[in-house]
Amino acid sequence: MAFKTPAETAAEAEIAKSGWKRDKKTGLWKCFRDPDRGRTFSGTAVELARTLNTKPVAET
């Protein structure tokens, strides 16, 4: 069994708040909340948290 780093634990908590869970059958991250419901992500929790935090800046 692999041990999680503090960064991985924090990232998993952050993405869980956004509605993402690990699909046990496929091993992919899957979103269960609108507007991204059904979207999947292949990668680590840290990478997913980084992509969720990268939001386009609103142009003024």
Protein backbone atom coordinates (compact mmCIF):
# COMPACT_ATOMS: atom_id res chain seq x y z
CA MET A 1 0.00 0.00 0.00
CA ALA A 2 1.37 3.39 -0.96
CA PHE A 3 1.40 6.20 1.53
CA LYS A 4 -0.05 9.58 0.60
CA THR A 5 1.96 12.75 0.90
CA PRO A 6 0.43 15.75 2.71
CA ALA A 7 0.04 17.45 -0.69
CA GLU A 8 -1.96 14.50 -2.04
CA THR A 9 -4.20 14.41 1.02
CA ALA A 10 -4.88 18.15 0.76
CA ALA A 11 -5.54 17.89 -2.98
CA GLU A 12 -8.01 15.03 -2.50
CA ALA A 13 -9.91 17.04 0.11
CA GLU A 14 -10.01 20.05 -2.22
CA ILE A 15 -11.28 18.15 -5.26
CA ALA A 16 -13.84 16.27 -3.15
CA LYS A 17 -15.40 19.65 -2.34
CA SER A 18 -15.74 20.23 -6.09
CA GLY A 19 -17.61 16.94 -6.55
CA TRP A 20 -14.81 14.72 -7.88
CA LYS A 21 -14.39 11.09 -6.81
CA ARG A 22 -12.09 8.27 -7.87
CA ASP A 23 -13.96 5.64 -9.92
CA LYS A 24 -12.91 2.31 -8.41
CA LYS A 25 -13.57 0.37 -11.60
CA THR A 26 -11.61 2.54 -14.04
CA GLY A 27 -9.25 4.36 -11.66
CA LEU A 28 -10.17 7.70 -13.26
CA TRP A 29 -11.36 10.79 -11.41
CA LYS A 30 -15.01 11.48 -12.22
CA CYS A 31 -17.14 14.55 -11.50
CA PHE A 32 -20.59 14.07 -9.99
CA ARG A 33 -21.70 17.72 -9.85
CA ASP A 34 -23.03 20.14 -12.42
CA PRO A 35 -21.83 21.73 -14.67
CA ASP A 36 -19.01 19.17 -15.13
CA ARG A 37 -21.09 16.06 -14.37
CA GLY A 38 -19.72 13.03 -16.19
CA ARG A 39 -16.35 14.62 -16.96
CA THR A 40 -13.37 12.36 -16.27
CA PHE A 41 -9.71 13.04 -15.55
CA SER A 42 -6.75 10.68 -15.80
CA GLY A 43 -3.98 11.72 -13.46
CA THR A 44 -3.11 12.33 -9.83
CA ALA A 45 -5.18 14.26 -7.32
CA VAL A 46 -2.52 16.97 -7.23
CA GLU A 47 -2.70 17.43 -11.03
CA LEU A 48 -6.51 17.55 -10.94
CA ALA A 49 -6.51 20.14 -8.16
CA ARG A 50 -4.03 22.21 -10.16
CA THR A 51 -6.29 22.12 -13.26
CA LEU A 52 -9.36 23.03 -11.21
CA ASN A 53 -7.54 26.04 -9.72
CA THR A 54 -6.51 27.25 -13.17
CA LYS A 55 -9.54 29.24 -14.22
CA PRO A 56 -9.55 31.67 -17.11
CA VAL A 57 -9.29 35.29 -16.05
CA ALA A 58 -12.36 37.34 -16.93
CA GLU A 59 -11.57 39.95 -19.53
CA THR A 60 -12.59 43.48 -18.65
